[in-house]
Amino acid sequence: MKPSDKHKSALNEVSGIISPNKTHQSSIDKIKIKRSKKIDSTTLINGIKKGDISLLSKGITLIESTNSSHKKLAGEIIKSCLPLSGNSIRIGITGVPGVGKSTFIESFGTLLTQNGKKVAVLAVDPSSSVNKGSILGDKTRMESLIKNPNVYIRPSASGDNLGGVTKKTRESIILCEAAGFDIILIETVGVGQSETAVHSMVDFFLLLKLAGAGDELQGIKRGIIEMADSIVINKADGDMKKVAELAKNAFRNALHLFPPKENEWTPEVLTCSALQNEGIAEIWELIKSYIQLTKSNKSFNKKRQEQEIFWLYDTINEQLKSQFYNNPKVKKELNQQLQLLEKKKTTPYEVASLLLRFK
């Protein structure tokens, strides 16, 4: 291998390989047959419990599916995996686009595997509001980590869900825990102050920030920073080291404005360079200190119980909304009312009051 080839990206096209003009029909038929084969729930559940990555992916796909025929099987999978869940450490990682979340996860995940941990990464990719599609390119930004046999990376589309995660992220966590993963990393979409939903499903909430991006003043705002268990200033290397230190002090001062947390934890501000692999070990030590403290004062289990209750209400809300919009009477009346609304013969409040009478 040439020295210059060492750092080539996996995205580069390999010279000498030419794509065929057409695909062989027998290959198409084989793919169709493979896709048409249905896996029974027992095989799927047992495979997940044994750590079969392929079946784990199929299980998560079923859970995320909006096809009504998949709901029963998805329910069976979750119910069977639930007794084996709850033994991992769940870490939420958020930050604005460009802060280096994927690079941080690659560096952090590598460290965890070196410490003998099995790591699952649930990466949430933003969906287009126009065509509803998602790129799902998180794996391409974690080229080294994806090759690690002790790491599972699952990109999922955010869909129309707000808060930086998907509607089924909690269920995906359960499946990953049943498959034997010790650490679950949840990478959010990364759109700013609204990324708070992940806080309701993780044990430790890590907020990545950039120095010199005007974020220092955001430290005095309520919301996502108030929820963070730690703030990490990433890309603290080269000329940005001094700027990162200044940002760290600014955030530390800002955190003093917030009331103390019920779990007795004082959020810490650290700096790191995920690209240079500097400061990553200190972050893991901080997280371990947090887990040790919250488990000793019983707040760890209390938080998990509160999250279960939150999940219950969230699930009820989702099912009620789904039942409402799938009601044939609602569908018919809604179309008629939309026409009246367009002609300004009614108001949104009157339409909502009318539709909510249907059961």
Foldseek 3Di string as FASTA:
>chain_A
DDPVPPPDAPPDDDPPDDDDPDDDPVVVVVVVVVVPDDDDLVVLLVCLLQLNQVSLLVLVVLLQDPPPVSVVSNVVNLVSLQVLDDQAAEEEEEAAPPLCPLLLCLLLVVVQVVVVFQEEEEEEFEADPPPRHGPQCSCSSNVPSVPDPSYHYHYDYQGPPWQFHHLCPLSSNSSNSSSPGHYYYYYGHHHPQSNPPVLLRGLAYEYEDEFPPPCLVVLLPDGPNLSHLEYEHEPCDDPNVVSRVVSQVSNLVNQVVDDADPLNRRYHYYYAYSVVSGPSVVVVVVVVVSVVSSVVVVVSVVSVVVSVVVSVVSVVVVVVVVCLCPPPVLVVLVVVVVVCVVVVVDDPVVNVVVSVVPD
